[in-house]
Every structure is written in structure tokens, then in C-alpha cells.
Amino acid sequence: MSVISLRPARDLRAPLDELIRDHGLLSVTLALMRAALRRGKNRPPPAEGLSEYLRRDIGLGPGRHKGPRDWDRL
């Protein structure tokens, strides 16, 4: 078995409590809600127009080749 050391809840709440103390409950709550709603809009652009070299560099698999291939011309 592996041992998982969990942090106590008070250690996890400390940064949030500090934000609430500094900025107020309403401001922190609204900022968290805005961040949660904005999260879905920050999607990366489609990778379909990237070259095979760029796709490989960022860790994507090979894409669909839309143009004619060299061996199709023969």
C-alpha cells in the first residue's frame, strides 16, 4: 500500500480565509464565480491548421492530411 499524506483542512482554508479577510466575502465570492464561468471560454484554438512538425512539438498526434499526397500524383 502507499501512504498518502493529506493536508489538514485548516491548511487548505488559510489562503482563502486570508483573501476573505483582506478583500471581503462578497468580493472573493464574486471573483471565484467569475473565474469559474470564464473557465469554459478559455479553450485553446483548434489544432487542425497546424503543420505536422508543430503538432509533434506540442505533443499531439498526426492530423488528417487534407491536401494531395506526393504518391497520389504518380
N, C-alpha and C. Protein backbone atom coordinates (compact mmCIF):
# COMPACT_ATOMS: atom_id res chain seq x y z
N MET A 1 0.83 -1.19 0.00
CA MET A 1 0.00 0.00 0.00
C MET A 1 0.87 1.25 0.00
N SER A 2 0.34 2.30 -0.49
CA SER A 2 1.08 3.56 -0.47
C SER A 2 0.42 4.51 0.52
N VAL A 3 1.24 5.29 1.16
CA VAL A 3 0.75 6.24 2.16
C VAL A 3 0.52 7.58 1.49
N ILE A 4 -0.65 8.11 1.66
CA ILE A 4 -0.99 9.42 1.13
C ILE A 4 -1.12 10.36 2.31
N SER A 5 -0.28 11.36 2.34
CA SER A 5 -0.37 12.32 3.44
C SER A 5 -1.29 13.46 3.01
N LEU A 6 -2.39 13.57 3.68
CA LEU A 6 -3.36 14.63 3.40
C LEU A 6 -3.07 15.83 4.27
N ARG A 7 -3.25 16.99 3.67
CA ARG A 7 -3.06 18.21 4.44
C ARG A 7 -4.31 18.47 5.27
N PRO A 8 -4.14 18.94 6.48
CA PRO A 8 -5.31 19.26 7.29
C PRO A 8 -6.16 20.34 6.62
N ALA A 9 -7.43 20.32 6.89
CA ALA A 9 -8.36 21.28 6.26
C ALA A 9 -8.00 22.71 6.62
N ARG A 10 -7.47 22.93 7.81
CA ARG A 10 -7.14 24.32 8.20
C ARG A 10 -6.00 24.87 7.34
N ASP A 11 -5.08 23.99 6.86
CA ASP A 11 -4.02 24.45 5.97
C ASP A 11 -4.56 24.83 4.60
N LEU A 12 -5.59 24.15 4.16
CA LEU A 12 -6.19 24.46 2.87
C LEU A 12 -7.07 25.70 2.92
N ARG A 13 -7.67 25.95 4.07
CA ARG A 13 -8.56 27.10 4.19
C ARG A 13 -7.83 28.39 4.50
N ALA A 14 -6.59 28.31 4.97
CA ALA A 14 -5.85 29.51 5.38
C ALA A 14 -5.73 30.55 4.26
N PRO A 15 -5.33 30.17 3.03
CA PRO A 15 -5.24 31.20 1.98
C PRO A 15 -6.59 31.81 1.64
N LEU A 16 -7.63 31.00 1.65
CA LEU A 16 -8.97 31.52 1.36
C LEU A 16 -9.43 32.47 2.47
N ASP A 17 -9.19 32.08 3.71
CA ASP A 17 -9.55 32.96 4.84
C ASP A 17 -8.79 34.27 4.78
N GLU A 18 -7.54 34.21 4.36
CA GLU A 18 -6.74 35.44 4.26
C GLU A 18 -7.28 36.35 3.16
N LEU A 19 -7.68 35.77 2.03
CA LEU A 19 -8.28 36.57 0.95
C LEU A 19 -9.58 37.22 1.41
N ILE A 20 -10.40 36.45 2.12
CA ILE A 20 -11.67 36.99 2.62
C ILE A 20 -11.42 38.11 3.62
N ARG A 21 -10.43 37.91 4.49
CA ARG A 21 -10.12 38.95 5.48
C ARG A 21 -9.63 40.22 4.81
N ASP A 22 -8.80 40.09 3.75
CA ASP A 22 -8.24 41.27 3.09
C ASP A 22 -9.22 41.97 2.17
N HIS A 23 -10.06 41.20 1.45
CA HIS A 23 -10.89 41.80 0.41
C HIS A 23 -12.39 41.73 0.66
N GLY A 24 -12.81 40.95 1.62
CA GLY A 24 -14.23 40.83 1.92
C GLY A 24 -14.86 39.61 1.26
N LEU A 25 -15.89 39.10 1.90
CA LEU A 25 -16.54 37.88 1.44
C LEU A 25 -17.21 38.07 0.08
N LEU A 26 -17.89 39.17 -0.11
CA LEU A 26 -18.61 39.40 -1.37
C LEU A 26 -17.64 39.50 -2.55
N SER A 27 -16.55 40.24 -2.39
CA SER A 27 -15.59 40.39 -3.48
C SER A 27 -14.94 39.06 -3.85
N VAL A 28 -14.57 38.28 -2.84
CA VAL A 28 -13.93 36.99 -3.10
C VAL A 28 -14.92 36.03 -3.75
N THR A 29 -16.15 36.03 -3.29
CA THR A 29 -17.17 35.14 -3.86
C THR A 29 -17.44 35.50 -5.32
N LEU A 30 -17.58 36.78 -5.61
CA LEU A 30 -17.82 37.20 -6.99
C LEU A 30 -16.63 36.87 -7.89
N ALA A 31 -15.42 37.06 -7.39
CA ALA A 31 -14.23 36.74 -8.18
C ALA A 31 -14.15 35.24 -8.47
N LEU A 32 -14.47 34.41 -7.49
CA LEU A 32 -14.47 32.97 -7.72
C LEU A 32 -15.53 32.56 -8.73
N MET A 33 -16.71 33.17 -8.65
CA MET A 33 -17.78 32.84 -9.60
C MET A 33 -17.40 33.29 -11.01
N ARG A 34 -16.80 34.49 -11.14
CA ARG A 34 -16.36 34.96 -12.45
C ARG A 34 -15.29 34.04 -13.05
N ALA A 35 -14.37 33.60 -12.21
CA ALA A 35 -13.31 32.71 -12.68
C ALA A 35 -13.89 31.36 -13.12
N ALA A 36 -14.87 30.87 -12.40
CA ALA A 36 -15.49 29.59 -12.76
C ALA A 36 -16.26 29.70 -14.07
N LEU A 37 -16.94 30.81 -14.30
CA LEU A 37 -17.70 30.99 -15.53
C LEU A 37 -16.79 31.26 -16.72
N ARG A 38 -15.69 31.96 -16.48
CA ARG A 38 -14.77 32.30 -17.55
C ARG A 38 -13.94 31.09 -17.99
N ARG A 39 -13.84 30.10 -17.16
CA ARG A 39 -13.01 28.93 -17.43
C ARG A 39 -13.39 28.24 -18.74
N GLY A 40 -14.66 28.12 -19.05
CA GLY A 40 -15.10 27.42 -20.26
C GLY A 40 -14.77 28.18 -21.53
N LYS A 41 -14.60 29.49 -21.46
CA LYS A 41 -14.33 30.29 -22.65
C LYS A 41 -12.86 30.28 -23.04
N ASN A 42 -11.99 29.85 -22.17
CA ASN A 42 -10.56 29.88 -22.45
C ASN A 42 -10.08 28.57 -23.04
N ARG A 43 -10.69 28.16 -24.11
CA ARG A 43 -10.28 26.94 -24.79
C ARG A 43 -9.19 27.27 -25.79
N PRO A 44 -8.27 26.35 -25.99
CA PRO A 44 -7.23 26.60 -26.98
C PRO A 44 -7.82 26.57 -28.39
N PRO A 45 -7.17 27.26 -29.33
CA PRO A 45 -7.68 27.26 -30.70
C PRO A 45 -7.55 25.86 -31.31
N PRO A 46 -8.34 25.57 -32.33
CA PRO A 46 -8.26 24.24 -32.96
C PRO A 46 -6.88 24.02 -33.57
N ALA A 47 -6.41 22.80 -33.48
CA ALA A 47 -5.06 22.47 -33.96
C ALA A 47 -5.09 21.90 -35.37
N GLU A 48 -6.18 22.03 -36.07
CA GLU A 48 -6.30 21.42 -37.39
C GLU A 48 -5.43 22.11 -38.44
N GLY A 49 -5.14 23.39 -38.28
CA GLY A 49 -4.35 24.10 -39.27
C GLY A 49 -2.86 24.04 -39.02
N LEU A 50 -2.42 23.36 -37.98
CA LEU A 50 -1.00 23.31 -37.65
C LEU A 50 -0.29 22.28 -38.51
N SER A 51 0.98 22.54 -38.77
CA SER A 51 1.77 21.58 -39.52
C SER A 51 2.08 20.37 -38.64
N GLU A 52 2.51 19.30 -39.29
CA GLU A 52 2.83 18.07 -38.55
C GLU A 52 3.97 18.31 -37.57
N TYR A 53 4.92 19.18 -37.93
CA TYR A 53 6.04 19.46 -37.04
C TYR A 53 5.56 20.16 -35.77
N LEU A 54 4.70 21.14 -35.90
CA LEU A 54 4.18 21.84 -34.72
C LEU A 54 3.32 20.91 -33.87
N ARG A 55 2.51 20.09 -34.51
CA ARG A 55 1.67 19.15 -33.76
C ARG A 55 2.55 18.20 -32.94
N ARG A 56 3.63 17.73 -33.54
CA ARG A 56 4.52 16.83 -32.82
C ARG A 56 5.21 17.57 -31.67
N ASP A 57 5.60 18.83 -31.89
CA ASP A 57 6.30 19.59 -30.86
C ASP A 57 5.45 19.85 -29.63
N ILE A 58 4.15 20.02 -29.81
CA ILE A 58 3.29 20.28 -28.65
C ILE A 58 2.64 19.01 -28.12
N GLY A 59 3.01 17.87 -28.68
CA GLY A 59 2.56 16.60 -28.12
C GLY A 59 1.28 16.04 -28.69
N LEU A 60 0.85 16.53 -29.84
CA LEU A 60 -0.35 16.00 -30.48
C LEU A 60 0.02 14.92 -31.48
N GLY A 61 -0.93 14.06 -31.74
CA GLY A 61 -0.72 13.01 -32.74
C GLY A 61 -0.83 13.58 -34.14
N PRO A 62 -0.57 12.76 -35.13
CA PRO A 62 -0.67 13.24 -36.51
C PRO A 62 -2.11 13.60 -36.85
N GLY A 63 -2.27 14.67 -37.59
CA GLY A 63 -3.60 15.10 -38.00
C GLY A 63 -3.98 14.51 -39.34
N ARG A 64 -5.17 14.86 -39.77
CA ARG A 64 -5.63 14.40 -41.08
C ARG A 64 -4.98 15.25 -42.17
N HIS A 65 -4.48 14.58 -43.16
CA HIS A 65 -3.84 15.29 -44.27
C HIS A 65 -4.92 15.59 -45.30
N LYS A 66 -5.16 16.88 -45.55
CA LYS A 66 -6.26 17.26 -46.45
C LYS A 66 -5.82 17.40 -47.90
N GLY A 67 -4.57 17.78 -48.13
CA GLY A 67 -4.11 18.02 -49.48
C GLY A 67 -3.69 16.74 -50.16
N PRO A 68 -3.39 16.83 -51.48
CA PRO A 68 -2.95 15.64 -52.22
C PRO A 68 -1.55 15.24 -51.75
N ARG A 69 -1.35 13.96 -51.68
CA ARG A 69 -0.06 13.44 -51.28
C ARG A 69 0.80 13.23 -52.51
N ASP A 70 2.11 13.16 -52.29
CA ASP A 70 3.03 13.02 -53.42
C ASP A 70 2.78 11.73 -54.18
N TRP A 71 2.51 10.64 -53.50
CA TRP A 71 2.33 9.37 -54.20
C TRP A 71 1.00 9.28 -54.92
N ASP A 72 0.05 10.20 -54.61
CA ASP A 72 -1.22 10.22 -55.34
C ASP A 72 -1.04 10.83 -56.74
N ARG A 73 0.01 11.61 -56.91
CA ARG A 73 0.23 12.28 -58.19
C ARG A 73 0.85 11.35 -59.23
N LEU A 74 1.40 10.25 -58.80
CA LEU A 74 2.09 9.36 -59.74
C LEU A 74 1.14 8.55 -60.58
